[in-house]
All heavy atoms as atom14 arrays in JSON, in Angstrom:
{
  "sequence": "SGFYQGKPTGEITDFFDYYAPPDKERVEFGKKRQVAQIFVGNEGWEVT",
  "atom14_mask": [
    [1, 1, 1, 1, 1, 1, 0, 0, 0, 0, 0, 0, 0, 0],
    [1, 1, 1, 1, 0, 0, 0, 0, 0, 0, 0, 0, 0, 0],
    [1, 1, 1, 1, 1, 1, 1, 1, 1, 1, 1, 0, 0, 0],
    [1, 1, 1, 1, 1, 1, 1, 1, 1, 1, 1, 1, 0, 0],
    [1, 1, 1, 1, 1, 1, 1, 1, 1, 0, 0, 0, 0, 0],
    [1, 1, 1, 1, 0, 0, 0, 0, 0, 0, 0, 0, 0, 0],
    [1, 1, 1, 1, 1, 1, 1, 1, 1, 0, 0, 0, 0, 0],
    [1, 1, 1, 1, 1, 1, 1, 0, 0, 0, 0, 0, 0, 0],
    [1, 1, 1, 1, 1, 1, 1, 0, 0, 0, 0, 0, 0, 0],
    [1, 1, 1, 1, 0, 0, 0, 0, 0, 0, 0, 0, 0, 0],
    [1, 1, 1, 1, 1, 1, 1, 1, 1, 0, 0, 0, 0, 0],
    [1, 1, 1, 1, 1, 1, 1, 1, 0, 0, 0, 0, 0, 0],
    [1, 1, 1, 1, 1, 1, 1, 0, 0, 0, 0, 0, 0, 0],
    [1, 1, 1, 1, 1, 1, 1, 1, 0, 0, 0, 0, 0, 0],
    [1, 1, 1, 1, 1, 1, 1, 1, 1, 1, 1, 0, 0, 0],
    [1, 1, 1, 1, 1, 1, 1, 1, 1, 1, 1, 0, 0, 0],
    [1, 1, 1, 1, 1, 1, 1, 1, 0, 0, 0, 0, 0, 0],
    [1, 1, 1, 1, 1, 1, 1, 1, 1, 1, 1, 1, 0, 0],
    [1, 1, 1, 1, 1, 1, 1, 1, 1, 1, 1, 1, 0, 0],
    [1, 1, 1, 1, 1, 0, 0, 0, 0, 0, 0, 0, 0, 0],
    [1, 1, 1, 1, 1, 1, 1, 0, 0, 0, 0, 0, 0, 0],
    [1, 1, 1, 1, 1, 1, 1, 0, 0, 0, 0, 0, 0, 0],
    [1, 1, 1, 1, 1, 1, 1, 1, 0, 0, 0, 0, 0, 0],
    [1, 1, 1, 1, 1, 1, 1, 1, 1, 0, 0, 0, 0, 0],
    [1, 1, 1, 1, 1, 1, 1, 1, 1, 0, 0, 0, 0, 0],
    [1, 1, 1, 1, 1, 1, 1, 1, 1, 1, 1, 0, 0, 0],
    [1, 1, 1, 1, 1, 1, 1, 0, 0, 0, 0, 0, 0, 0],
    [1, 1, 1, 1, 1, 1, 1, 1, 1, 0, 0, 0, 0, 0],
    [1, 1, 1, 1, 1, 1, 1, 1, 1, 1, 1, 0, 0, 0],
    [1, 1, 1, 1, 0, 0, 0, 0, 0, 0, 0, 0, 0, 0],
    [1, 1, 1, 1, 1, 1, 1, 1, 1, 0, 0, 0, 0, 0],
    [1, 1, 1, 1, 1, 1, 1, 1, 1, 0, 0, 0, 0, 0],
    [1, 1, 1, 1, 1, 1, 1, 1, 1, 1, 1, 0, 0, 0],
    [1, 1, 1, 1, 1, 1, 1, 1, 1, 0, 0, 0, 0, 0],
    [1, 1, 1, 1, 1, 1, 1, 0, 0, 0, 0, 0, 0, 0],
    [1, 1, 1, 1, 1, 0, 0, 0, 0, 0, 0, 0, 0, 0],
    [1, 1, 1, 1, 1, 1, 1, 1, 1, 0, 0, 0, 0, 0],
    [1, 1, 1, 1, 1, 1, 1, 1, 0, 0, 0, 0, 0, 0],
    [1, 1, 1, 1, 1, 1, 1, 1, 1, 1, 1, 0, 0, 0],
    [1, 1, 1, 1, 1, 1, 1, 0, 0, 0, 0, 0, 0, 0],
    [1, 1, 1, 1, 0, 0, 0, 0, 0, 0, 0, 0, 0, 0],
    [1, 1, 1, 1, 1, 1, 1, 1, 0, 0, 0, 0, 0, 0],
    [1, 1, 1, 1, 1, 1, 1, 1, 1, 0, 0, 0, 0, 0],
    [1, 1, 1, 1, 0, 0, 0, 0, 0, 0, 0, 0, 0, 0],
    [1, 1, 1, 1, 1, 1, 1, 1, 1, 1, 1, 1, 1, 1],
    [1, 1, 1, 1, 1, 1, 1, 1, 1, 0, 0, 0, 0, 0],
    [1, 1, 1, 1, 1, 1, 1, 0, 0, 0, 0, 0, 0, 0],
    [1, 1, 1, 1, 1, 1, 1, 0, 0, 0, 0, 0, 0, 0]
  ],
  "atom14_positions": [
    [[-71.9, 21.2, 119.65], [-72.99, 21.15, 120.63], [-74.07, 20.21, 120.13], [-74.23, 20.01, 118.93], [-73.57, 22.56, 120.83], [-74.65, 22.51, 121.72], [0.0, 0.0, 0.0], [0.0, 0.0, 0.0], [0.0, 0.0, 0.0], [0.0, 0.0, 0.0], [0.0, 0.0, 0.0], [0.0, 0.0, 0.0], [0.0, 0.0, 0.0], [0.0, 0.0, 0.0]],
    [[-74.82, 19.65, 121.05], [-75.9, 18.75, 120.7], [-77.22, 19.48, 120.59], [-77.46, 20.5, 121.23], [0.0, 0.0, 0.0], [0.0, 0.0, 0.0], [0.0, 0.0, 0.0], [0.0, 0.0, 0.0], [0.0, 0.0, 0.0], [0.0, 0.0, 0.0], [0.0, 0.0, 0.0], [0.0, 0.0, 0.0], [0.0, 0.0, 0.0], [0.0, 0.0, 0.0]],
    [[-78.1, 18.95, 119.73], [-79.44, 19.49, 119.56], [-80.44, 18.34, 119.64], [-80.15, 17.23, 119.25], [-79.58, 20.18, 118.2], [-78.86, 21.49, 118.12], [-77.52, 21.54, 117.85], [-79.54, 22.68, 118.33], [-76.85, 22.74, 117.78], [-78.89, 23.89, 118.27], [-77.54, 23.91, 117.99], [0.0, 0.0, 0.0], [0.0, 0.0, 0.0], [0.0, 0.0, 0.0]],
    [[-81.61, 18.64, 120.18], [-82.71, 17.68, 120.23], [-83.97, 18.41, 119.85], [-84.31, 19.43, 120.46], [-82.83, 17.05, 121.62], [-83.97, 16.08, 121.73], [-83.9, 14.84, 121.11], [-85.12, 16.4, 122.43], [-84.94, 13.94, 121.19], [-86.17, 15.51, 122.53], [-86.08, 14.28, 121.9], [-87.11, 13.39, 121.98], [0.0, 0.0, 0.0], [0.0, 0.0, 0.0]],
    [[-84.65, 17.93, 118.82], [-85.86, 18.55, 118.3], [-85.65, 20.03, 117.98], [-86.49, 20.89, 118.27], [-87.03, 18.37, 119.26], [-87.43, 16.92, 119.43], [-88.61, 16.74, 120.35], [-88.99, 17.63, 121.11], [-89.22, 15.56, 120.27], [0.0, 0.0, 0.0], [0.0, 0.0, 0.0], [0.0, 0.0, 0.0], [0.0, 0.0, 0.0], [0.0, 0.0, 0.0]],
    [[-84.49, 20.33, 117.4], [-84.2, 21.69, 116.97], [-83.77, 22.64, 118.07], [-83.56, 23.82, 117.82], [0.0, 0.0, 0.0], [0.0, 0.0, 0.0], [0.0, 0.0, 0.0], [0.0, 0.0, 0.0], [0.0, 0.0, 0.0], [0.0, 0.0, 0.0], [0.0, 0.0, 0.0], [0.0, 0.0, 0.0], [0.0, 0.0, 0.0], [0.0, 0.0, 0.0]],
    [[-83.65, 22.16, 119.29], [-83.26, 23.03, 120.4], [-81.94, 22.54, 120.99], [-81.71, 21.34, 121.1], [-84.34, 23.02, 121.48], [-85.66, 23.56, 120.98], [-86.73, 23.46, 122.04], [-88.05, 23.94, 121.46], [-89.16, 23.66, 122.33], [0.0, 0.0, 0.0], [0.0, 0.0, 0.0], [0.0, 0.0, 0.0], [0.0, 0.0, 0.0], [0.0, 0.0, 0.0]],
    [[-81.05, 23.46, 121.39], [-79.77, 23.03, 121.97], [-79.97, 22.3, 123.28], [-80.83, 22.65, 124.09], [-79.01, 24.34, 122.17], [-80.02, 25.42, 122.1], [-81.19, 24.91, 121.32], [0.0, 0.0, 0.0], [0.0, 0.0, 0.0], [0.0, 0.0, 0.0], [0.0, 0.0, 0.0], [0.0, 0.0, 0.0], [0.0, 0.0, 0.0], [0.0, 0.0, 0.0]],
    [[-79.16, 21.26, 123.5], [-79.25, 20.48, 124.73], [-78.39, 21.08, 125.83], [-78.54, 20.71, 126.98], [-78.79, 19.04, 124.49], [-77.43, 19.06, 124.07], [-79.66, 18.34, 123.46], [0.0, 0.0, 0.0], [0.0, 0.0, 0.0], [0.0, 0.0, 0.0], [0.0, 0.0, 0.0], [0.0, 0.0, 0.0], [0.0, 0.0, 0.0], [0.0, 0.0, 0.0]],
    [[-77.47, 21.96, 125.47], [-76.57, 22.55, 126.46], [-75.26, 21.79, 126.59], [-74.34, 22.23, 127.26], [0.0, 0.0, 0.0], [0.0, 0.0, 0.0], [0.0, 0.0, 0.0], [0.0, 0.0, 0.0], [0.0, 0.0, 0.0], [0.0, 0.0, 0.0], [0.0, 0.0, 0.0], [0.0, 0.0, 0.0], [0.0, 0.0, 0.0], [0.0, 0.0, 0.0]],
    [[-75.16, 20.64, 125.93], [-73.93, 19.86, 125.97], [-72.97, 20.4, 124.92], [-73.3, 20.48, 123.75], [-74.21, 18.39, 125.69], [-75.11, 17.75, 126.73], [-75.45, 16.32, 126.38], [-74.68, 15.67, 125.63], [-76.49, 15.84, 126.83], [0.0, 0.0, 0.0], [0.0, 0.0, 0.0], [0.0, 0.0, 0.0], [0.0, 0.0, 0.0], [0.0, 0.0, 0.0]],
    [[-71.78, 20.78, 125.36], [-70.76, 21.29, 124.45], [-69.51, 20.46, 124.66], [-69.12, 20.18, 125.79], [-70.46, 22.78, 124.72], [-71.72, 23.61, 124.49], [-69.32, 23.27, 123.84], [-71.57, 25.07, 124.88], [0.0, 0.0, 0.0], [0.0, 0.0, 0.0], [0.0, 0.0, 0.0], [0.0, 0.0, 0.0], [0.0, 0.0, 0.0], [0.0, 0.0, 0.0]],
    [[-68.87, 20.04, 123.56], [-67.63, 19.27, 123.67], [-66.63, 19.75, 122.64], [-66.99, 20.26, 121.59], [-67.91, 17.75, 123.51], [-66.73, 17.03, 123.81], [-68.37, 17.41, 122.12], [0.0, 0.0, 0.0], [0.0, 0.0, 0.0], [0.0, 0.0, 0.0], [0.0, 0.0, 0.0], [0.0, 0.0, 0.0], [0.0, 0.0, 0.0], [0.0, 0.0, 0.0]],
    [[-65.36, 19.58, 122.94], [-64.29, 19.91, 122.01], [-64.13, 18.77, 121.02], [-64.4, 17.61, 121.34], [-62.97, 20.1, 122.76], [-63.0, 21.28, 123.72], [-63.76, 22.23, 123.45], [-62.3, 21.24, 124.74], [0.0, 0.0, 0.0], [0.0, 0.0, 0.0], [0.0, 0.0, 0.0], [0.0, 0.0, 0.0], [0.0, 0.0, 0.0], [0.0, 0.0, 0.0]],
    [[-63.66, 19.11, 119.8], [-63.34, 18.06, 118.84], [-62.06, 18.42, 118.1], [-61.68, 19.58, 117.99], [-64.49, 17.81, 117.86], [-64.7, 18.91, 116.86], [-64.03, 18.89, 115.64], [-65.56, 19.94, 117.12], [-64.23, 19.9, 114.72], [-65.77, 20.96, 116.21], [-65.09, 20.94, 115.0], [0.0, 0.0, 0.0], [0.0, 0.0, 0.0], [0.0, 0.0, 0.0]],
    [[-61.39, 17.38, 117.63], [-60.14, 17.5, 116.89], [-60.3, 16.62, 115.66], [-60.5, 15.42, 115.78], [-58.96, 17.03, 117.74], [-58.89, 17.73, 119.07], [-59.63, 17.28, 120.16], [-58.1, 18.86, 119.22], [-59.58, 17.93, 121.37], [-58.05, 19.52, 120.44], [-58.79, 19.05, 121.52], [0.0, 0.0, 0.0], [0.0, 0.0, 0.0], [0.0, 0.0, 0.0]],
    [[-60.24, 17.22, 114.48], [-60.51, 16.5, 113.23], [-59.24, 16.52, 112.38], [-58.7, 17.59, 112.08], [-61.66, 17.2, 112.5], [-62.12, 16.46, 111.26], [-61.57, 15.39, 110.95], [-63.05, 16.97, 110.6], [0.0, 0.0, 0.0], [0.0, 0.0, 0.0], [0.0, 0.0, 0.0], [0.0, 0.0, 0.0], [0.0, 0.0, 0.0], [0.0, 0.0, 0.0]],
    [[-58.77, 15.35, 112.0], [-57.58, 15.21, 111.15], [-58.0, 14.51, 109.87], [-58.6, 13.43, 109.93], [-56.5, 14.39, 111.86], [-56.15, 14.94, 113.22], [-56.76, 14.45, 114.37], [-55.22, 15.96, 113.35], [-56.45, 14.96, 115.61], [-54.9, 16.48, 114.59], [-55.52, 15.97, 115.72], [-55.21, 16.48, 116.95], [0.0, 0.0, 0.0], [0.0, 0.0, 0.0]],
    [[-57.69, 15.1, 108.72], [-58.11, 14.54, 107.43], [-56.93, 14.43, 106.48], [-56.14, 15.38, 106.36], [-59.18, 15.43, 106.8], [-59.64, 14.96, 105.45], [-60.45, 13.84, 105.31], [-59.26, 15.62, 104.3], [-60.87, 13.41, 104.07], [-59.67, 15.2, 103.05], [-60.48, 14.09, 102.94], [-60.89, 13.65, 101.71], [0.0, 0.0, 0.0], [0.0, 0.0, 0.0]],
    [[-56.79, 13.29, 105.82], [-55.77, 13.08, 104.8], [-56.47, 12.53, 103.56], [-57.04, 11.43, 103.6], [-54.73, 12.09, 105.29], [0.0, 0.0, 0.0], [0.0, 0.0, 0.0], [0.0, 0.0, 0.0], [0.0, 0.0, 0.0], [0.0, 0.0, 0.0], [0.0, 0.0, 0.0], [0.0, 0.0, 0.0], [0.0, 0.0, 0.0], [0.0, 0.0, 0.0]],
    [[-56.49, 13.32, 102.47], [-57.19, 12.89, 101.25], [-56.61, 11.59, 100.71], [-55.44, 11.32, 100.93], [-56.97, 14.02, 100.27], [-56.44, 15.15, 101.04], [-55.86, 14.61, 102.31], [0.0, 0.0, 0.0], [0.0, 0.0, 0.0], [0.0, 0.0, 0.0], [0.0, 0.0, 0.0], [0.0, 0.0, 0.0], [0.0, 0.0, 0.0], [0.0, 0.0, 0.0]],
    [[-57.37, 10.8, 100.01], [-58.75, 11.08, 99.66], [-59.77, 10.53, 100.65], [-60.92, 10.91, 100.62], [-58.9, 10.37, 98.32], [-58.01, 9.18, 98.42], [-56.84, 9.64, 99.26], [0.0, 0.0, 0.0], [0.0, 0.0, 0.0], [0.0, 0.0, 0.0], [0.0, 0.0, 0.0], [0.0, 0.0, 0.0], [0.0, 0.0, 0.0], [0.0, 0.0, 0.0]],
    [[-59.38, 9.62, 101.55], [-60.42, 8.95, 102.33], [-60.0, 8.54, 103.75], [-60.48, 7.54, 104.27], [-60.91, 7.72, 101.57], [-59.8, 6.71, 101.33], [-58.65, 6.98, 101.7], [-60.1, 5.64, 100.78], [0.0, 0.0, 0.0], [0.0, 0.0, 0.0], [0.0, 0.0, 0.0], [0.0, 0.0, 0.0], [0.0, 0.0, 0.0], [0.0, 0.0, 0.0]],
    [[-59.12, 9.3, 104.38], [-58.7, 8.97, 105.75], [-59.05, 10.13, 106.67], [-58.69, 11.27, 106.4], [-57.21, 8.7, 105.81], [-56.8, 7.47, 105.04], [-55.32, 7.24, 105.16], [-54.95, 6.02, 104.37], [-53.96, 6.28, 103.37], [0.0, 0.0, 0.0], [0.0, 0.0, 0.0], [0.0, 0.0, 0.0], [0.0, 0.0, 0.0], [0.0, 0.0, 0.0]],
    [[-59.76, 9.82, 107.76], [-60.15, 10.86, 108.7], [-60.2, 10.29, 110.11], [-60.59, 9.15, 110.31], [-61.5, 11.45, 108.32], [-61.89, 12.64, 109.17], [-63.08, 13.4, 108.62], [-63.77, 12.89, 107.72], [-63.32, 14.51, 109.1], [0.0, 0.0, 0.0], [0.0, 0.0, 0.0], [0.0, 0.0, 0.0], [0.0, 0.0, 0.0], [0.0, 0.0, 0.0]],
    [[-59.79, 11.12, 111.07], [-59.86, 10.75, 112.48], [-60.46, 11.94, 113.22], [-59.94, 13.05, 113.12], [-58.47, 10.44, 113.03], [-58.46, 10.11, 114.5], [-57.04, 9.89, 115.0], [-57.02, 9.68, 116.42], [-56.85, 8.51, 117.01], [-56.7, 7.43, 116.29], [-56.85, 8.42, 118.32], [0.0, 0.0, 0.0], [0.0, 0.0, 0.0], [0.0, 0.0, 0.0]],
    [[-61.53, 11.69, 113.97], [-62.2, 12.74, 114.74], [-62.15, 12.32, 116.21], [-62.61, 11.23, 116.55], [-63.66, 12.95, 114.3], [-64.27, 14.12, 115.04], [-63.74, 13.17, 112.79], [0.0, 0.0, 0.0], [0.0, 0.0, 0.0], [0.0, 0.0, 0.0], [0.0, 0.0, 0.0], [0.0, 0.0, 0.0], [0.0, 0.0, 0.0], [0.0, 0.0, 0.0]],
    [[-61.58, 13.19, 117.06], [-61.48, 12.91, 118.49], [-62.37, 13.88, 119.24], [-62.45, 15.06, 118.89], [-60.02, 13.06, 118.93], [-59.09, 12.13, 118.2], [-57.63, 12.43, 118.44], [-57.32, 13.53, 118.96], [-56.79, 11.58, 118.11], [0.0, 0.0, 0.0], [0.0, 0.0, 0.0], [0.0, 0.0, 0.0], [0.0, 0.0, 0.0], [0.0, 0.0, 0.0]],
    [[-63.04, 13.39, 120.29], [-63.98, 14.2, 121.05], [-63.55, 14.29, 122.51], [-63.07, 13.32, 123.08], [-65.39, 13.6, 120.99], [-65.94, 13.53, 119.59], [-65.86, 12.36, 118.86], [-66.53, 14.64, 119.02], [-66.37, 12.29, 117.57], [-67.04, 14.58, 117.74], [-66.95, 13.4, 117.01], [0.0, 0.0, 0.0], [0.0, 0.0, 0.0], [0.0, 0.0, 0.0]],
    [[-63.78, 15.46, 123.14], [-63.49, 15.68, 124.55], [-62.15, 16.36, 124.75], [-61.25, 16.26, 123.91], [0.0, 0.0, 0.0], [0.0, 0.0, 0.0], [0.0, 0.0, 0.0], [0.0, 0.0, 0.0], [0.0, 0.0, 0.0], [0.0, 0.0, 0.0], [0.0, 0.0, 0.0], [0.0, 0.0, 0.0], [0.0, 0.0, 0.0], [0.0, 0.0, 0.0]],
    [[-62.01, 17.07, 125.87], [-60.75, 17.76, 126.16], [-59.58, 16.79, 126.22], [-58.47, 17.1, 125.81], [-60.86, 18.52, 127.48], [-61.7, 19.77, 127.38], [-61.55, 20.62, 128.62], [-62.44, 21.82, 128.56], [-62.0, 22.83, 127.64], [0.0, 0.0, 0.0], [0.0, 0.0, 0.0], [0.0, 0.0, 0.0], [0.0, 0.0, 0.0], [0.0, 0.0, 0.0]],
    [[-59.83, 15.61, 126.74], [-58.77, 14.6, 126.84], [-58.86, 13.57, 125.72], [-58.22, 12.54, 125.78], [-58.85, 13.91, 128.2], [-58.58, 14.86, 129.35], [-58.58, 14.14, 130.67], [-58.32, 15.13, 131.8], [-58.33, 14.48, 133.1], [0.0, 0.0, 0.0], [0.0, 0.0, 0.0], [0.0, 0.0, 0.0], [0.0, 0.0, 0.0], [0.0, 0.0, 0.0]],
    [[-59.71, 13.87, 124.73], [-59.86, 13.01, 123.54], [-60.23, 11.59, 123.91], [-59.61, 10.62, 123.48], [-58.6, 13.07, 122.7], [-58.25, 14.5, 122.33], [-56.95, 14.59, 121.61], [-56.61, 15.99, 121.41], [-55.76, 16.42, 120.51], [-55.14, 15.56, 119.73], [-55.52, 17.69, 120.39], [0.0, 0.0, 0.0], [0.0, 0.0, 0.0], [0.0, 0.0, 0.0]],
    [[-61.28, 11.48, 124.73], [-61.69, 10.18, 125.26], [-62.28, 9.25, 124.19], [-62.22, 8.04, 124.32], [-62.74, 10.35, 126.37], [-62.29, 11.16, 127.54], [-62.67, 12.63, 127.43], [-62.63, 13.22, 126.37], [-63.01, 13.23, 128.57], [0.0, 0.0, 0.0], [0.0, 0.0, 0.0], [0.0, 0.0, 0.0], [0.0, 0.0, 0.0], [0.0, 0.0, 0.0]],
    [[-62.89, 9.84, 123.16], [-63.54, 9.05, 122.11], [-62.96, 9.47, 120.78], [-62.79, 10.66, 120.51], [-65.07, 9.27, 122.11], [-65.72, 8.5, 120.99], [-65.66, 8.89, 123.45], [0.0, 0.0, 0.0], [0.0, 0.0, 0.0], [0.0, 0.0, 0.0], [0.0, 0.0, 0.0], [0.0, 0.0, 0.0], [0.0, 0.0, 0.0], [0.0, 0.0, 0.0]],
    [[-62.66, 8.49, 119.92], [-62.16, 8.79, 118.57], [-62.93, 7.96, 117.57], [-63.27, 6.8, 117.83], [-60.67, 8.49, 118.47], [0.0, 0.0, 0.0], [0.0, 0.0, 0.0], [0.0, 0.0, 0.0], [0.0, 0.0, 0.0], [0.0, 0.0, 0.0], [0.0, 0.0, 0.0], [0.0, 0.0, 0.0], [0.0, 0.0, 0.0], [0.0, 0.0, 0.0]],
    [[-63.24, 8.58, 116.43], [-63.83, 7.86, 115.31], [-62.83, 7.9, 114.17], [-62.31, 8.96, 113.83], [-65.15, 8.49, 114.88], [-66.24, 8.32, 115.91], [-67.56, 8.94, 115.47], [-67.61, 9.8, 114.61], [-68.62, 8.48, 116.09], [0.0, 0.0, 0.0], [0.0, 0.0, 0.0], [0.0, 0.0, 0.0], [0.0, 0.0, 0.0], [0.0, 0.0, 0.0]],
    [[-62.54, 6.73, 113.61], [-61.53, 6.61, 112.56], [-62.22, 6.07, 111.31], [-62.95, 5.07, 111.38], [-60.4, 5.66, 112.99], [-59.75, 6.19, 114.28], [-59.38, 5.49, 111.89], [-58.8, 5.23, 114.93], [0.0, 0.0, 0.0], [0.0, 0.0, 0.0], [0.0, 0.0, 0.0], [0.0, 0.0, 0.0], [0.0, 0.0, 0.0], [0.0, 0.0, 0.0]],
    [[-61.97, 6.74, 110.18], [-62.56, 6.34, 108.91], [-61.44, 6.14, 107.89], [-60.62, 7.02, 107.69], [-63.52, 7.41, 108.39], [-64.63, 7.72, 109.36], [-64.51, 8.78, 110.24], [-65.77, 6.94, 109.4], [-65.51, 9.07, 111.13], [-66.78, 7.22, 110.3], [-66.65, 8.29, 111.17], [0.0, 0.0, 0.0], [0.0, 0.0, 0.0], [0.0, 0.0, 0.0]],
    [[-61.41, 4.96, 107.27], [-60.46, 4.66, 106.21], [-61.25, 4.0, 105.09], [-61.83, 2.93, 105.28], [-59.33, 3.73, 106.69], [-58.39, 3.38, 105.54], [-58.56, 4.36, 107.84], [0.0, 0.0, 0.0], [0.0, 0.0, 0.0], [0.0, 0.0, 0.0], [0.0, 0.0, 0.0], [0.0, 0.0, 0.0], [0.0, 0.0, 0.0], [0.0, 0.0, 0.0]],
    [[-61.28, 4.66, 103.94], [-62.07, 4.14, 102.83], [-63.55, 4.14, 103.21], [-64.08, 5.15, 103.65], [0.0, 0.0, 0.0], [0.0, 0.0, 0.0], [0.0, 0.0, 0.0], [0.0, 0.0, 0.0], [0.0, 0.0, 0.0], [0.0, 0.0, 0.0], [0.0, 0.0, 0.0], [0.0, 0.0, 0.0], [0.0, 0.0, 0.0], [0.0, 0.0, 0.0]],
    [[-64.18, 3.01, 103.07], [-65.6, 2.87, 103.41], [-65.82, 2.14, 104.72], [-66.88, 1.56, 104.95], [-66.36, 2.16, 102.28], [-66.43, 3.01, 101.04], [-66.4, 4.23, 101.1], [-66.52, 2.36, 99.89], [0.0, 0.0, 0.0], [0.0, 0.0, 0.0], [0.0, 0.0, 0.0], [0.0, 0.0, 0.0], [0.0, 0.0, 0.0], [0.0, 0.0, 0.0]],
    [[-64.82, 2.14, 105.59], [-64.91, 1.49, 106.89], [-64.76, 2.54, 107.99], [-64.11, 3.56, 107.79], [-63.84, 0.42, 107.03], [-63.98, -0.7, 106.01], [-62.91, -1.76, 106.19], [-62.43, -1.92, 107.34], [-62.56, -2.41, 105.21], [0.0, 0.0, 0.0], [0.0, 0.0, 0.0], [0.0, 0.0, 0.0], [0.0, 0.0, 0.0], [0.0, 0.0, 0.0]],
    [[-65.35, 2.26, 109.16], [-65.26, 3.19, 110.27], [-65.26, 2.47, 111.6], [-65.93, 1.45, 111.77], [0.0, 0.0, 0.0], [0.0, 0.0, 0.0], [0.0, 0.0, 0.0], [0.0, 0.0, 0.0], [0.0, 0.0, 0.0], [0.0, 0.0, 0.0], [0.0, 0.0, 0.0], [0.0, 0.0, 0.0], [0.0, 0.0, 0.0], [0.0, 0.0, 0.0]],
    [[-64.49, 3.01, 112.55], [-64.38, 2.43, 113.88], [-64.5, 3.51, 114.93], [-64.21, 4.68, 114.68], [-63.03, 1.74, 114.07], [-62.76, 0.69, 113.06], [-63.11, -0.63, 113.12], [-62.08, 0.85, 111.82], [-62.69, -1.3, 112.0], [-62.07, -0.4, 111.18], [-61.51, 1.94, 111.17], [-61.48, -0.6, 109.93], [-60.93, 1.75, 109.94], [-60.91, 0.49, 109.34]],
    [[-64.87, 3.1, 116.12], [-64.88, 3.99, 117.27], [-63.92, 3.42, 118.3], [-63.95, 2.23, 118.59], [-66.29, 4.1, 117.86], [-66.37, 5.08, 119.01], [-67.79, 5.29, 119.48], [-68.38, 4.33, 120.01], [-68.28, 6.41, 119.31], [0.0, 0.0, 0.0], [0.0, 0.0, 0.0], [0.0, 0.0, 0.0], [0.0, 0.0, 0.0], [0.0, 0.0, 0.0]],
    [[-63.08, 4.29, 118.86], [-62.11, 3.87, 119.86], [-62.44, 4.6, 121.16], [-62.51, 5.83, 121.19], [-60.66, 4.2, 119.41], [-59.68, 3.75, 120.46], [-60.36, 3.57, 118.07], [0.0, 0.0, 0.0], [0.0, 0.0, 0.0], [0.0, 0.0, 0.0], [0.0, 0.0, 0.0], [0.0, 0.0, 0.0], [0.0, 0.0, 0.0], [0.0, 0.0, 0.0]],
    [[-62.67, 3.82, 122.22], [-62.94, 4.38, 123.55], [-62.06, 3.64, 124.56], [-61.24, 2.8, 124.17], [-64.42, 4.2, 123.95], [-64.7, 2.81, 124.08], [-65.35, 4.84, 122.93], [0.0, 0.0, 0.0], [0.0, 0.0, 0.0], [0.0, 0.0, 0.0], [0.0, 0.0, 0.0], [0.0, 0.0, 0.0], [0.0, 0.0, 0.0], [0.0, 0.0, 0.0]]
  ]
}
């Protein structure tokens, strides 16, 4: 859920987090996984 100035905004979204040590992670947001953030090493991308 999102917060603004310490108060909930009312926005709630699903997330799916996949992690493979030591430094690979993929986080997908939304029921249909519309947005994904991918991290490999010290680099990161957003896929929409």
